[in-house]
Amino acid sequence: MHKLSHGRIGPCGNWVRVFNDSEELDEMKFSKLFEDTIQSDIVVIYQSSINVTISKASEAFEIVAQFVKHGVVKIADVRFTSQIEIDPLGVGAAYRTNK
């Protein structure tokens, strides 16, 4: 969890809009970012030391939609080689390591 609890992608990330006009997480936009970034059936979803879980990739949207109401959400594959950060401002960015 340490890899998700510290650091941010920051302004240099490739940020895209993931909220809809109602300022809620858009499932189609989220799914595109998720599928383009994470190639794992199991993911780690982190918002805080309280809001953290390991889930199936198919359940990620519902969990992230709830967690993002409380702050920045980070999603990673179990090896932490691919990560997504969703900001409550309505944008998300992806990060991949070279490993």
N, C-alpha and C. Protein backbone atom coordinates (compact mmCIF):
# COMPACT_ATOMS: atom_id res chain seq x y z
N MET A 1 0.81 -1.19 0.00
CA MET A 1 0.00 0.00 0.00
C MET A 1 0.86 1.27 0.00
N HIS A 2 2.08 1.14 0.49
CA HIS A 2 2.97 2.30 0.52
C HIS A 2 3.15 2.90 -0.87
N LYS A 3 3.18 2.05 -1.90
CA LYS A 3 3.37 2.54 -3.27
C LYS A 3 2.19 3.39 -3.73
N LEU A 4 1.03 3.20 -3.14
CA LEU A 4 -0.14 3.99 -3.53
C LEU A 4 -0.42 5.15 -2.59
N SER A 5 0.07 5.07 -1.36
CA SER A 5 -0.27 6.11 -0.39
C SER A 5 0.60 7.35 -0.51
N HIS A 6 1.72 7.26 -1.23
CA HIS A 6 2.62 8.41 -1.37
C HIS A 6 2.79 8.77 -2.83
N GLY A 7 2.95 10.04 -3.09
CA GLY A 7 3.23 10.50 -4.45
C GLY A 7 1.97 10.68 -5.28
N ARG A 8 2.08 11.54 -6.24
CA ARG A 8 0.98 11.81 -7.16
C ARG A 8 1.55 11.80 -8.57
N ILE A 9 0.71 11.58 -9.55
CA ILE A 9 1.16 11.63 -10.93
C ILE A 9 1.56 13.04 -11.29
N GLY A 10 0.83 14.02 -10.79
CA GLY A 10 1.19 15.42 -10.97
C GLY A 10 0.76 15.99 -12.31
N PRO A 11 1.11 17.24 -12.56
CA PRO A 11 0.63 17.94 -13.76
C PRO A 11 1.23 17.41 -15.05
N CYS A 12 2.33 16.66 -14.98
CA CYS A 12 2.94 16.15 -16.20
C CYS A 12 2.23 14.90 -16.73
N GLY A 13 1.28 14.38 -15.96
CA GLY A 13 0.55 13.20 -16.40
C GLY A 13 -0.37 13.49 -17.57
N ASN A 14 -0.77 12.44 -18.25
CA ASN A 14 -1.68 12.54 -19.38
C ASN A 14 -3.12 12.51 -18.85
N TRP A 15 -3.57 13.63 -18.33
CA TRP A 15 -4.88 13.72 -17.67
C TRP A 15 -6.01 13.77 -18.69
N VAL A 16 -7.08 13.02 -18.42
CA VAL A 16 -8.27 13.02 -19.26
C VAL A 16 -9.50 13.17 -18.37
N ARG A 17 -10.55 13.71 -18.93
CA ARG A 17 -11.81 13.88 -18.19
C ARG A 17 -12.49 12.53 -18.03
N VAL A 18 -12.87 12.17 -16.80
CA VAL A 18 -13.53 10.90 -16.54
C VAL A 18 -14.90 11.08 -15.86
N PHE A 19 -15.30 12.32 -15.66
CA PHE A 19 -16.62 12.60 -15.09
C PHE A 19 -17.57 12.99 -16.22
N ASN A 20 -18.87 12.80 -15.96
CA ASN A 20 -19.88 13.22 -16.93
C ASN A 20 -20.36 14.63 -16.58
N ASP A 21 -21.36 15.12 -17.30
CA ASP A 21 -21.86 16.47 -17.07
C ASP A 21 -22.51 16.64 -15.69
N SER A 22 -22.90 15.53 -15.08
CA SER A 22 -23.50 15.57 -13.74
C SER A 22 -22.44 15.52 -12.64
N GLU A 23 -21.16 15.61 -13.05
CA GLU A 23 -20.02 15.57 -12.11
C GLU A 23 -19.96 14.26 -11.33
N GLU A 24 -20.27 13.17 -12.02
CA GLU A 24 -20.14 11.83 -11.46
C GLU A 24 -19.20 11.04 -12.36
N LEU A 25 -18.58 10.02 -11.82
CA LEU A 25 -17.68 9.19 -12.60
C LEU A 25 -18.45 8.55 -13.76
N ASP A 26 -17.95 8.75 -14.97
CA ASP A 26 -18.60 8.22 -16.18
C ASP A 26 -18.04 6.82 -16.45
N GLU A 27 -18.92 5.84 -16.53
CA GLU A 27 -18.47 4.46 -16.67
C GLU A 27 -17.72 4.21 -17.98
N MET A 28 -18.17 4.78 -19.08
CA MET A 28 -17.49 4.57 -20.36
C MET A 28 -16.10 5.21 -20.38
N LYS A 29 -15.99 6.44 -19.88
CA LYS A 29 -14.70 7.13 -19.84
C LYS A 29 -13.73 6.42 -18.90
N PHE A 30 -14.25 6.00 -17.74
CA PHE A 30 -13.43 5.28 -16.78
C PHE A 30 -12.95 3.95 -17.37
N SER A 31 -13.87 3.22 -18.00
CA SER A 31 -13.53 1.91 -18.56
C SER A 31 -12.45 2.02 -19.63
N LYS A 32 -12.52 3.06 -20.46
CA LYS A 32 -11.50 3.24 -21.50
C LYS A 32 -10.13 3.46 -20.87
N LEU A 33 -10.05 4.37 -19.90
CA LEU A 33 -8.79 4.63 -19.21
C LEU A 33 -8.29 3.36 -18.52
N PHE A 34 -9.18 2.66 -17.86
CA PHE A 34 -8.84 1.45 -17.12
C PHE A 34 -8.32 0.36 -18.06
N GLU A 35 -9.05 0.09 -19.13
CA GLU A 35 -8.67 -0.98 -20.05
C GLU A 35 -7.40 -0.66 -20.83
N ASP A 36 -7.15 0.62 -21.08
CA ASP A 36 -5.92 1.02 -21.78
C ASP A 36 -4.70 0.94 -20.88
N THR A 37 -4.91 0.89 -19.58
CA THR A 37 -3.80 0.97 -18.62
C THR A 37 -3.54 -0.32 -17.88
N ILE A 38 -4.57 -0.92 -17.32
CA ILE A 38 -4.39 -2.06 -16.42
C ILE A 38 -4.78 -3.36 -17.12
N GLN A 39 -3.84 -4.29 -17.14
CA GLN A 39 -4.04 -5.58 -17.80
C GLN A 39 -4.08 -6.70 -16.76
N SER A 40 -4.89 -6.54 -15.75
CA SER A 40 -4.95 -7.51 -14.67
C SER A 40 -6.41 -7.74 -14.28
N ASP A 41 -6.70 -8.95 -13.83
CA ASP A 41 -8.05 -9.28 -13.38
C ASP A 41 -8.30 -8.86 -11.93
N ILE A 42 -7.22 -8.62 -11.19
CA ILE A 42 -7.31 -8.20 -9.79
C ILE A 42 -6.60 -6.86 -9.65
N VAL A 43 -7.23 -5.93 -8.93
CA VAL A 43 -6.64 -4.60 -8.75
C VAL A 43 -6.68 -4.18 -7.28
N VAL A 44 -5.78 -3.28 -6.94
CA VAL A 44 -5.76 -2.65 -5.62
C VAL A 44 -6.34 -1.25 -5.81
N ILE A 45 -7.32 -0.90 -4.97
CA ILE A 45 -7.95 0.43 -5.04
C ILE A 45 -7.73 1.11 -3.70
N TYR A 46 -7.11 2.29 -3.75
CA TYR A 46 -6.71 3.01 -2.53
C TYR A 46 -7.21 4.44 -2.56
N GLN A 47 -7.88 4.86 -1.50
CA GLN A 47 -8.25 6.26 -1.32
C GLN A 47 -7.66 6.79 -0.02
N SER A 48 -7.68 5.97 1.00
CA SER A 48 -7.10 6.31 2.30
C SER A 48 -6.82 5.01 3.04
N SER A 49 -6.25 5.11 4.23
CA SER A 49 -5.99 3.89 4.99
C SER A 49 -7.28 3.18 5.39
N ILE A 50 -8.39 3.87 5.33
CA ILE A 50 -9.69 3.28 5.63
C ILE A 50 -10.35 2.76 4.35
N ASN A 51 -10.29 3.56 3.28
CA ASN A 51 -10.90 3.19 2.01
C ASN A 51 -9.86 2.56 1.10
N VAL A 52 -9.63 1.27 1.30
CA VAL A 52 -8.67 0.52 0.50
C VAL A 52 -9.20 -0.90 0.34
N THR A 53 -9.05 -1.46 -0.86
CA THR A 53 -9.55 -2.81 -1.10
C THR A 53 -8.82 -3.45 -2.26
N ILE A 54 -8.87 -4.75 -2.30
CA ILE A 54 -8.42 -5.53 -3.45
C ILE A 54 -9.68 -6.12 -4.06
N SER A 55 -9.85 -5.95 -5.37
CA SER A 55 -11.10 -6.42 -5.98
C SER A 55 -10.85 -6.94 -7.39
N LYS A 56 -11.88 -7.54 -7.95
CA LYS A 56 -11.86 -7.93 -9.34
C LYS A 56 -11.92 -6.67 -10.19
N ALA A 57 -11.28 -6.70 -11.34
CA ALA A 57 -11.30 -5.55 -12.24
C ALA A 57 -12.73 -5.18 -12.63
N SER A 58 -13.58 -6.16 -12.75
CA SER A 58 -14.98 -5.91 -13.14
C SER A 58 -15.76 -5.13 -12.09
N GLU A 59 -15.28 -5.10 -10.86
CA GLU A 59 -15.95 -4.38 -9.78
C GLU A 59 -15.34 -3.01 -9.51
N ALA A 60 -14.28 -2.66 -10.22
CA ALA A 60 -13.53 -1.44 -9.93
C ALA A 60 -14.36 -0.17 -10.10
N PHE A 61 -15.18 -0.09 -11.13
CA PHE A 61 -15.94 1.14 -11.37
C PHE A 61 -16.82 1.50 -10.18
N GLU A 62 -17.58 0.55 -9.67
CA GLU A 62 -18.49 0.83 -8.55
C GLU A 62 -17.74 1.28 -7.31
N ILE A 63 -16.61 0.63 -7.04
CA ILE A 63 -15.82 0.99 -5.86
C ILE A 63 -15.21 2.38 -6.02
N VAL A 64 -14.60 2.64 -7.17
CA VAL A 64 -13.97 3.94 -7.41
C VAL A 64 -15.02 5.05 -7.37
N ALA A 65 -16.20 4.81 -7.92
CA ALA A 65 -17.27 5.82 -7.90
C ALA A 65 -17.64 6.22 -6.47
N GLN A 66 -17.57 5.29 -5.53
CA GLN A 66 -17.85 5.60 -4.14
C GLN A 66 -16.65 6.28 -3.47
N PHE A 67 -15.46 5.75 -3.68
CA PHE A 67 -14.26 6.28 -3.04
C PHE A 67 -13.94 7.70 -3.48
N VAL A 68 -14.16 8.03 -4.75
CA VAL A 68 -13.77 9.34 -5.28
C VAL A 68 -14.59 10.47 -4.63
N LYS A 69 -15.67 10.15 -4.00
CA LYS A 69 -16.46 11.15 -3.28
C LYS A 69 -15.70 11.67 -2.06
N HIS A 70 -14.69 10.91 -1.62
CA HIS A 70 -13.94 11.25 -0.41
C HIS A 70 -12.54 11.77 -0.69
N GLY A 71 -12.08 11.69 -1.94
CA GLY A 71 -10.75 12.17 -2.27
C GLY A 71 -10.14 11.45 -3.45
N VAL A 72 -8.87 11.69 -3.68
CA VAL A 72 -8.14 11.10 -4.80
C VAL A 72 -8.11 9.58 -4.63
N VAL A 73 -8.36 8.87 -5.73
CA VAL A 73 -8.36 7.41 -5.73
C VAL A 73 -7.25 6.92 -6.64
N LYS A 74 -6.51 5.92 -6.17
CA LYS A 74 -5.44 5.31 -6.96
C LYS A 74 -5.78 3.85 -7.17
N ILE A 75 -5.57 3.40 -8.40
CA ILE A 75 -5.86 2.02 -8.77
C ILE A 75 -4.57 1.44 -9.35
N ALA A 76 -4.25 0.20 -9.00
CA ALA A 76 -3.03 -0.43 -9.53
C ALA A 76 -3.26 -1.91 -9.73
N ASP A 77 -2.49 -2.48 -10.67
CA ASP A 77 -2.48 -3.93 -10.76
C ASP A 77 -1.72 -4.45 -9.54
N VAL A 78 -1.81 -5.73 -9.29
CA VAL A 78 -1.23 -6.28 -8.05
C VAL A 78 0.29 -6.22 -8.03
N ARG A 79 0.94 -6.04 -9.17
CA ARG A 79 2.40 -5.92 -9.22
C ARG A 79 2.84 -4.45 -9.22
N PHE A 80 1.90 -3.54 -9.21
CA PHE A 80 2.14 -2.10 -9.20
C PHE A 80 2.93 -1.63 -10.43
N THR A 81 2.73 -2.28 -11.57
CA THR A 81 3.39 -1.85 -12.80
C THR A 81 2.53 -0.88 -13.60
N SER A 82 1.23 -0.87 -13.33
CA SER A 82 0.30 0.05 -13.98
C SER A 82 -0.57 0.69 -12.91
N GLN A 83 -0.69 2.01 -12.98
CA GLN A 83 -1.49 2.72 -11.99
C GLN A 83 -2.35 3.78 -12.66
N ILE A 84 -3.48 4.05 -12.03
CA ILE A 84 -4.39 5.12 -12.46
C ILE A 84 -4.67 5.97 -11.24
N GLU A 85 -4.75 7.26 -11.45
CA GLU A 85 -5.13 8.18 -10.39
C GLU A 85 -6.38 8.93 -10.85
N ILE A 86 -7.42 8.91 -10.03
CA ILE A 86 -8.66 9.63 -10.32
C ILE A 86 -8.81 10.74 -9.29
N ASP A 87 -8.90 11.95 -9.77
CA ASP A 87 -9.04 13.12 -8.90
C ASP A 87 -10.51 13.51 -8.80
N PRO A 88 -10.98 13.92 -7.62
CA PRO A 88 -12.39 14.32 -7.47
C PRO A 88 -12.77 15.54 -8.31
N LEU A 89 -11.80 16.20 -8.93
CA LEU A 89 -12.11 17.30 -9.83
C LEU A 89 -12.66 16.80 -11.16
N GLY A 90 -12.58 15.47 -11.37
CA GLY A 90 -13.17 14.88 -12.57
C GLY A 90 -12.20 14.42 -13.62
N VAL A 91 -10.92 14.35 -13.28
CA VAL A 91 -9.91 13.92 -14.24
C VAL A 91 -9.16 12.70 -13.72
N GLY A 92 -8.58 11.96 -14.67
CA GLY A 92 -7.80 10.78 -14.32
C GLY A 92 -6.57 10.70 -15.20
N ALA A 93 -5.55 10.04 -14.70
CA ALA A 93 -4.30 9.88 -15.46
C ALA A 93 -3.75 8.48 -15.20
N ALA A 94 -2.99 7.99 -16.18
CA ALA A 94 -2.39 6.66 -16.09
C ALA A 94 -0.88 6.78 -15.96
N TYR A 95 -0.31 5.75 -15.33
CA TYR A 95 1.14 5.67 -15.18
C TYR A 95 1.55 4.21 -15.29
N ARG A 96 2.58 3.95 -16.08
CA ARG A 96 3.12 2.58 -16.19
C ARG A 96 4.61 2.60 -15.96
N THR A 97 5.09 1.62 -15.22
CA THR A 97 6.53 1.49 -15.03
C THR A 97 7.09 0.71 -16.22
N ASN A 98 8.39 0.68 -16.35
CA ASN A 98 9.03 -0.05 -17.44
C ASN A 98 9.30 -1.51 -17.08
N LYS A 99 8.92 -1.90 -15.89
CA LYS A 99 9.21 -3.27 -15.42
C LYS A 99 8.19 -4.24 -15.94
